[in-house]
Amino acid sequence: MTNASQAPQGTPAHDPARKIVSVSQFVPATPQQVFDVLANPQMHSVIDGSGSVRGQLHAPARLSLGAKFGMSMRLGVPYRITNVVVEFDEARQIGWRHFGGHVWRYLLTAVEGGTLVTEQFDYSTNRA
């Protein structure tokens, strides 16, 4: 079994027992600077590496615990999705869940010269 702390930076790690896929990357910015980008739904299409996040439909200017936000997506076909913020610890952790129950979270760890950002796809809460 591999976890994010054992995988080389930038290499996805899958923990089937916990039902979490993780990847970590160093970012030369403070945890607060990274968090500010993650808490701004308008920035999600800019930072999405998959190209599936197309833009914000409805959202507050800054996310908070319990906030709902809608995104325009495309994964083969265009669709819309509404998320709710279920984890929010300023400058440390933010996560949101959609109707299927999956949680996307970001864990921020201060390291010398910046932040280690760990993105996790948590399907342990899947409703299907």
N, C-alpha and C. Protein backbone atom coordinates (compact mmCIF):
# COMPACT_ATOMS: atom_id res chain seq x y z
N MET A 1 0.85 -1.18 0.00
CA MET A 1 0.00 0.00 0.00
C MET A 1 0.89 1.24 0.00
N THR A 2 0.52 2.21 -0.81
CA THR A 2 1.26 3.46 -0.92
C THR A 2 0.39 4.59 -0.42
N ASN A 3 1.01 5.53 0.29
CA ASN A 3 0.26 6.74 0.65
C ASN A 3 1.01 7.94 0.13
N ALA A 4 0.40 9.12 0.25
CA ALA A 4 0.99 10.32 -0.34
C ALA A 4 2.36 10.62 0.23
N SER A 5 2.58 10.29 1.49
CA SER A 5 3.88 10.60 2.08
C SER A 5 4.98 9.68 1.55
N GLN A 6 4.60 8.52 0.99
CA GLN A 6 5.58 7.59 0.45
C GLN A 6 5.82 7.79 -1.04
N ALA A 7 4.88 8.43 -1.73
CA ALA A 7 5.00 8.60 -3.17
C ALA A 7 5.88 9.80 -3.49
N PRO A 8 6.63 9.72 -4.59
CA PRO A 8 7.40 10.89 -5.00
C PRO A 8 6.46 12.06 -5.29
N GLN A 9 6.95 13.27 -5.10
CA GLN A 9 6.15 14.46 -5.33
C GLN A 9 5.59 14.45 -6.75
N GLY A 10 4.31 14.76 -6.88
CA GLY A 10 3.68 14.81 -8.18
C GLY A 10 3.19 13.47 -8.70
N THR A 11 3.46 12.38 -7.98
CA THR A 11 3.01 11.05 -8.38
C THR A 11 1.77 10.69 -7.58
N PRO A 12 0.65 10.39 -8.25
CA PRO A 12 -0.56 10.03 -7.52
C PRO A 12 -0.35 8.76 -6.70
N ALA A 13 -0.95 8.73 -5.53
CA ALA A 13 -0.90 7.57 -4.65
C ALA A 13 -2.33 7.15 -4.34
N HIS A 14 -2.62 5.86 -4.46
CA HIS A 14 -3.96 5.36 -4.20
C HIS A 14 -3.93 4.47 -2.96
N ASP A 15 -4.79 4.80 -2.02
CA ASP A 15 -4.93 3.99 -0.81
C ASP A 15 -6.31 3.35 -0.87
N PRO A 16 -6.43 2.14 -1.44
CA PRO A 16 -7.74 1.53 -1.60
C PRO A 16 -8.44 1.22 -0.29
N ALA A 17 -7.69 0.96 0.77
CA ALA A 17 -8.32 0.68 2.07
C ALA A 17 -9.07 1.90 2.59
N ARG A 18 -8.48 3.08 2.40
CA ARG A 18 -9.12 4.33 2.85
C ARG A 18 -9.96 4.97 1.76
N LYS A 19 -9.85 4.45 0.53
CA LYS A 19 -10.57 4.97 -0.64
C LYS A 19 -10.21 6.44 -0.90
N ILE A 20 -8.91 6.70 -0.95
CA ILE A 20 -8.40 8.05 -1.19
C ILE A 20 -7.28 7.99 -2.22
N VAL A 21 -7.35 8.88 -3.19
CA VAL A 21 -6.27 9.08 -4.15
C VAL A 21 -5.66 10.44 -3.84
N SER A 22 -4.34 10.51 -3.69
CA SER A 22 -3.65 11.74 -3.30
C SER A 22 -2.50 12.05 -4.25
N VAL A 23 -2.21 13.32 -4.37
CA VAL A 23 -1.01 13.76 -5.06
C VAL A 23 -0.53 15.03 -4.36
N SER A 24 0.78 15.18 -4.20
CA SER A 24 1.35 16.34 -3.52
C SER A 24 2.28 17.08 -4.46
N GLN A 25 2.34 18.38 -4.27
CA GLN A 25 3.19 19.23 -5.10
C GLN A 25 3.66 20.42 -4.27
N PHE A 26 4.92 20.77 -4.40
CA PHE A 26 5.46 21.96 -3.75
C PHE A 26 5.03 23.19 -4.54
N VAL A 27 4.58 24.22 -3.81
CA VAL A 27 4.21 25.50 -4.40
C VAL A 27 5.01 26.58 -3.69
N PRO A 28 5.72 27.43 -4.42
CA PRO A 28 6.53 28.48 -3.78
C PRO A 28 5.68 29.68 -3.35
N ALA A 29 4.75 29.43 -2.43
CA ALA A 29 3.87 30.46 -1.88
C ALA A 29 3.51 30.04 -0.47
N THR A 30 3.07 30.97 0.34
CA THR A 30 2.68 30.64 1.72
C THR A 30 1.39 29.84 1.72
N PRO A 31 1.13 29.07 2.79
CA PRO A 31 -0.14 28.37 2.89
C PRO A 31 -1.34 29.31 2.75
N GLN A 32 -1.25 30.51 3.32
CA GLN A 32 -2.37 31.45 3.22
C GLN A 32 -2.60 31.88 1.77
N GLN A 33 -1.53 32.12 1.04
CA GLN A 33 -1.68 32.50 -0.38
C GLN A 33 -2.32 31.38 -1.19
N VAL A 34 -1.91 30.15 -0.94
CA VAL A 34 -2.50 29.01 -1.64
C VAL A 34 -3.97 28.86 -1.24
N PHE A 35 -4.25 28.97 0.04
CA PHE A 35 -5.62 28.84 0.54
C PHE A 35 -6.53 29.89 -0.09
N ASP A 36 -6.03 31.11 -0.21
CA ASP A 36 -6.83 32.19 -0.80
C ASP A 36 -7.24 31.86 -2.23
N VAL A 37 -6.38 31.21 -2.98
CA VAL A 37 -6.72 30.79 -4.34
C VAL A 37 -7.78 29.68 -4.30
N LEU A 38 -7.59 28.69 -3.43
CA LEU A 38 -8.53 27.58 -3.32
C LEU A 38 -9.90 28.03 -2.83
N ALA A 39 -9.94 29.03 -1.98
CA ALA A 39 -11.21 29.53 -1.42
C ALA A 39 -11.94 30.47 -2.37
N ASN A 40 -11.36 30.73 -3.54
CA ASN A 40 -11.97 31.61 -4.54
C ASN A 40 -12.43 30.75 -5.73
N PRO A 41 -13.73 30.45 -5.83
CA PRO A 41 -14.21 29.58 -6.91
C PRO A 41 -13.89 30.09 -8.31
N GLN A 42 -13.72 31.39 -8.48
CA GLN A 42 -13.37 31.93 -9.79
C GLN A 42 -12.00 31.43 -10.26
N MET A 43 -11.16 31.00 -9.34
CA MET A 43 -9.82 30.53 -9.69
C MET A 43 -9.76 29.03 -10.01
N HIS A 44 -10.83 28.29 -9.74
CA HIS A 44 -10.78 26.84 -9.88
C HIS A 44 -10.49 26.38 -11.31
N SER A 45 -11.04 27.06 -12.31
CA SER A 45 -10.75 26.66 -13.68
C SER A 45 -9.30 26.97 -14.06
N VAL A 46 -8.71 27.95 -13.42
CA VAL A 46 -7.32 28.33 -13.69
C VAL A 46 -6.35 27.28 -13.13
N ILE A 47 -6.67 26.73 -11.96
CA ILE A 47 -5.76 25.79 -11.30
C ILE A 47 -6.06 24.33 -11.62
N ASP A 48 -7.18 24.05 -12.27
CA ASP A 48 -7.56 22.68 -12.60
C ASP A 48 -6.63 22.12 -13.67
N GLY A 49 -5.91 21.09 -13.34
CA GLY A 49 -4.97 20.49 -14.29
C GLY A 49 -5.63 19.55 -15.28
N SER A 50 -6.87 19.15 -15.03
CA SER A 50 -7.54 18.19 -15.91
C SER A 50 -8.24 18.84 -17.09
N GLY A 51 -8.53 20.12 -16.98
CA GLY A 51 -9.27 20.81 -18.03
C GLY A 51 -10.77 20.59 -17.96
N SER A 52 -11.24 19.87 -16.94
CA SER A 52 -12.67 19.60 -16.83
C SER A 52 -13.45 20.74 -16.19
N VAL A 53 -12.81 21.56 -15.37
CA VAL A 53 -13.49 22.70 -14.73
C VAL A 53 -13.47 23.85 -15.72
N ARG A 54 -14.65 24.27 -16.16
CA ARG A 54 -14.76 25.29 -17.19
C ARG A 54 -15.04 26.68 -16.64
N GLY A 55 -15.69 26.78 -15.51
CA GLY A 55 -15.98 28.10 -14.95
C GLY A 55 -17.01 28.02 -13.85
N GLN A 56 -17.16 29.12 -13.17
CA GLN A 56 -18.07 29.23 -12.04
C GLN A 56 -19.46 29.62 -12.55
N LEU A 57 -20.50 28.99 -12.02
CA LEU A 57 -21.88 29.34 -12.36
C LEU A 57 -22.48 30.24 -11.29
N HIS A 58 -22.37 29.81 -10.06
CA HIS A 58 -22.86 30.60 -8.93
C HIS A 58 -22.02 30.25 -7.71
N ALA A 59 -21.62 31.27 -6.98
CA ALA A 59 -20.75 31.03 -5.83
C ALA A 59 -20.53 32.33 -5.08
N PRO A 60 -20.24 32.21 -3.79
CA PRO A 60 -19.81 33.41 -3.07
C PRO A 60 -18.40 33.80 -3.56
N ALA A 61 -18.00 35.02 -3.28
CA ALA A 61 -16.66 35.47 -3.67
C ALA A 61 -15.58 34.65 -2.97
N ARG A 62 -15.87 34.24 -1.74
CA ARG A 62 -14.93 33.43 -0.95
C ARG A 62 -15.70 32.30 -0.29
N LEU A 63 -15.18 31.10 -0.41
CA LEU A 63 -15.83 29.94 0.19
C LEU A 63 -15.68 29.96 1.70
N SER A 64 -16.61 29.29 2.36
CA SER A 64 -16.59 29.10 3.81
C SER A 64 -17.28 27.78 4.10
N LEU A 65 -17.21 27.31 5.32
CA LEU A 65 -17.84 26.05 5.68
C LEU A 65 -19.34 26.14 5.40
N GLY A 66 -19.86 25.17 4.67
CA GLY A 66 -21.28 25.13 4.33
C GLY A 66 -21.65 25.88 3.06
N ALA A 67 -20.72 26.63 2.48
CA ALA A 67 -21.01 27.39 1.26
C ALA A 67 -21.29 26.44 0.10
N LYS A 68 -22.25 26.83 -0.74
CA LYS A 68 -22.56 26.07 -1.95
C LYS A 68 -22.07 26.86 -3.14
N PHE A 69 -21.52 26.12 -4.12
CA PHE A 69 -21.07 26.78 -5.34
C PHE A 69 -21.24 25.85 -6.53
N GLY A 70 -21.63 26.43 -7.64
CA GLY A 70 -21.87 25.66 -8.85
C GLY A 70 -20.78 25.92 -9.88
N MET A 71 -20.43 24.87 -10.59
CA MET A 71 -19.38 24.96 -11.59
C MET A 71 -19.86 24.38 -12.92
N SER A 72 -19.37 24.96 -13.99
CA SER A 72 -19.57 24.44 -15.33
C SER A 72 -18.41 23.48 -15.60
N MET A 73 -18.73 22.28 -16.03
CA MET A 73 -17.73 21.23 -16.19
C MET A 73 -17.81 20.63 -17.60
N ARG A 74 -16.77 19.90 -17.95
CA ARG A 74 -16.79 19.12 -19.19
C ARG A 74 -15.87 17.92 -19.02
N LEU A 75 -16.46 16.77 -19.09
CA LEU A 75 -15.71 15.52 -19.09
C LEU A 75 -16.35 14.67 -20.19
N GLY A 76 -15.91 14.90 -21.40
CA GLY A 76 -16.56 14.29 -22.56
C GLY A 76 -17.74 15.13 -23.03
N VAL A 77 -18.68 15.36 -22.15
CA VAL A 77 -19.85 16.20 -22.44
C VAL A 77 -19.93 17.29 -21.38
N PRO A 78 -20.53 18.43 -21.72
CA PRO A 78 -20.67 19.50 -20.72
C PRO A 78 -21.73 19.14 -19.68
N TYR A 79 -21.50 19.56 -18.45
CA TYR A 79 -22.47 19.38 -17.38
C TYR A 79 -22.23 20.44 -16.31
N ARG A 80 -23.17 20.52 -15.38
CA ARG A 80 -23.06 21.46 -14.27
C ARG A 80 -23.08 20.67 -12.98
N ILE A 81 -22.39 21.19 -11.99
CA ILE A 81 -22.35 20.50 -10.70
C ILE A 81 -22.37 21.51 -9.57
N THR A 82 -23.07 21.15 -8.50
CA THR A 82 -23.10 21.99 -7.31
C THR A 82 -22.33 21.28 -6.21
N ASN A 83 -21.47 22.01 -5.55
CA ASN A 83 -20.65 21.49 -4.45
C ASN A 83 -21.00 22.21 -3.17
N VAL A 84 -20.73 21.57 -2.05
CA VAL A 84 -20.87 22.21 -0.74
C VAL A 84 -19.55 22.03 0.01
N VAL A 85 -19.08 23.10 0.63
CA VAL A 85 -17.83 23.05 1.39
C VAL A 85 -18.09 22.30 2.69
N VAL A 86 -17.36 21.20 2.91
CA VAL A 86 -17.56 20.35 4.08
C VAL A 86 -16.35 20.35 5.01
N GLU A 87 -15.24 20.92 4.56
CA GLU A 87 -14.02 21.02 5.38
C GLU A 87 -13.45 22.42 5.16
N PHE A 88 -13.13 23.10 6.25
CA PHE A 88 -12.61 24.47 6.11
C PHE A 88 -11.80 24.81 7.35
N ASP A 89 -10.50 24.82 7.20
CA ASP A 89 -9.58 25.21 8.27
C ASP A 89 -8.60 26.19 7.63
N GLU A 90 -8.81 27.47 7.89
CA GLU A 90 -8.08 28.55 7.23
C GLU A 90 -6.59 28.25 7.11
N ALA A 91 -6.09 28.35 5.89
CA ALA A 91 -4.68 28.18 5.54
C ALA A 91 -4.14 26.77 5.80
N ARG A 92 -5.03 25.80 6.07
CA ARG A 92 -4.59 24.42 6.34
C ARG A 92 -5.31 23.38 5.49
N GLN A 93 -6.64 23.54 5.37
CA GLN A 93 -7.42 22.49 4.70
C GLN A 93 -8.74 23.05 4.19
N ILE A 94 -9.11 22.64 2.99
CA ILE A 94 -10.42 22.97 2.44
C ILE A 94 -10.88 21.78 1.61
N GLY A 95 -12.17 21.47 1.70
CA GLY A 95 -12.71 20.35 0.93
C GLY A 95 -14.16 20.58 0.61
N TRP A 96 -14.59 20.04 -0.54
CA TRP A 96 -15.99 20.16 -0.92
C TRP A 96 -16.49 18.84 -1.46
N ARG A 97 -17.83 18.69 -1.40
CA ARG A 97 -18.48 17.44 -1.80
C ARG A 97 -19.59 17.76 -2.80
N HIS A 98 -19.80 16.87 -3.75
CA HIS A 98 -20.93 17.04 -4.67
C HIS A 98 -22.00 16.00 -4.34
N PHE A 99 -23.07 15.97 -5.13
CA PHE A 99 -24.23 15.12 -4.85
C PHE A 99 -23.89 13.65 -4.72
N GLY A 100 -22.84 13.18 -5.37
CA GLY A 100 -22.46 11.77 -5.30
C GLY A 100 -21.73 11.41 -4.02
N GLY A 101 -21.34 12.41 -3.24
CA GLY A 101 -20.68 12.17 -1.97
C GLY A 101 -19.17 12.22 -1.99
N HIS A 102 -18.56 12.23 -3.17
CA HIS A 102 -17.10 12.32 -3.23
C HIS A 102 -16.63 13.65 -2.65
N VAL A 103 -15.49 13.63 -1.98
CA VAL A 103 -14.90 14.86 -1.42
C VAL A 103 -13.57 15.12 -2.11
N TRP A 104 -13.40 16.34 -2.57
CA TRP A 104 -12.11 16.82 -3.06
C TRP A 104 -11.56 17.74 -1.99
N ARG A 105 -10.36 17.43 -1.50
CA ARG A 105 -9.79 18.26 -0.42
C ARG A 105 -8.37 18.64 -0.76
N TYR A 106 -7.96 19.74 -0.16
CA TYR A 106 -6.58 20.22 -0.28
C TYR A 106 -6.03 20.38 1.12
N LEU A 107 -4.89 19.76 1.38
CA LEU A 107 -4.19 19.86 2.66
C LEU A 107 -2.93 20.68 2.41
N LEU A 108 -2.72 21.70 3.22
CA LEU A 108 -1.60 22.62 3.03
C LEU A 108 -0.64 22.50 4.19
N THR A 109 0.62 22.26 3.88
CA THR A 109 1.66 22.12 4.90
C THR A 109 2.78 23.10 4.60
N ALA A 110 3.07 23.96 5.56
CA ALA A 110 4.18 24.91 5.39
C ALA A 110 5.49 24.13 5.39
N VAL A 111 6.31 24.40 4.39
CA VAL A 111 7.65 23.83 4.28
C VAL A 111 8.59 24.96 3.91
N GLU A 112 9.88 24.69 4.03
CA GLU A 112 10.86 25.73 3.71
C GLU A 112 10.66 26.24 2.28
N GLY A 113 10.44 27.53 2.15
CA GLY A 113 10.30 28.15 0.83
C GLY A 113 8.91 28.11 0.24
N GLY A 114 7.94 27.55 0.95
CA GLY A 114 6.60 27.51 0.38
C GLY A 114 5.65 26.57 1.09
N THR A 115 4.85 25.87 0.29
CA THR A 115 3.79 25.02 0.81
C THR A 115 3.78 23.70 0.06
N LEU A 116 3.64 22.60 0.81
CA LEU A 116 3.38 21.32 0.19
C LEU A 116 1.86 21.19 0.11
N VAL A 117 1.33 21.15 -1.10
CA VAL A 117 -0.11 21.06 -1.34
C VAL A 117 -0.43 19.61 -1.68
N THR A 118 -1.32 19.01 -0.89
CA THR A 118 -1.76 17.65 -1.16
C THR A 118 -3.22 17.70 -1.56
N GLU A 119 -3.50 17.29 -2.79
CA GLU A 119 -4.88 17.21 -3.27
C GLU A 119 -5.34 15.77 -3.09
N GLN A 120 -6.54 15.61 -2.53
CA GLN A 120 -7.08 14.27 -2.31
C GLN A 120 -8.47 14.15 -2.93
N PHE A 121 -8.71 13.02 -3.56
CA PHE A 121 -10.02 12.61 -4.02
C PHE A 121 -10.45 11.50 -3.08
N ASP A 122 -11.45 11.76 -2.26
CA ASP A 122 -11.90 10.83 -1.23
C ASP A 122 -13.24 10.24 -1.65
N TYR A 123 -13.23 8.98 -2.01
CA TYR A 123 -14.47 8.33 -2.42
C TYR A 123 -15.01 7.39 -1.34
N SER A 124 -14.52 7.53 -0.11
CA SER A 124 -15.03 6.72 1.00
C SER A 124 -16.45 7.13 1.39
N THR A 125 -16.83 8.34 1.02
CA THR A 125 -18.16 8.86 1.36
C THR A 125 -19.12 8.77 0.18
N ASN A 126 -18.76 8.01 -0.84
CA ASN A 126 -19.56 7.85 -2.05
C ASN A 126 -20.96 7.35 -1.70
N ARG A 127 -21.97 7.99 -2.24
CA ARG A 127 -23.36 7.61 -1.97
C ARG A 127 -23.89 6.57 -2.94
N ALA A 128 -23.15 6.28 -3.99
CA ALA A 128 -23.63 5.34 -5.01
C ALA A 128 -23.44 3.90 -4.58
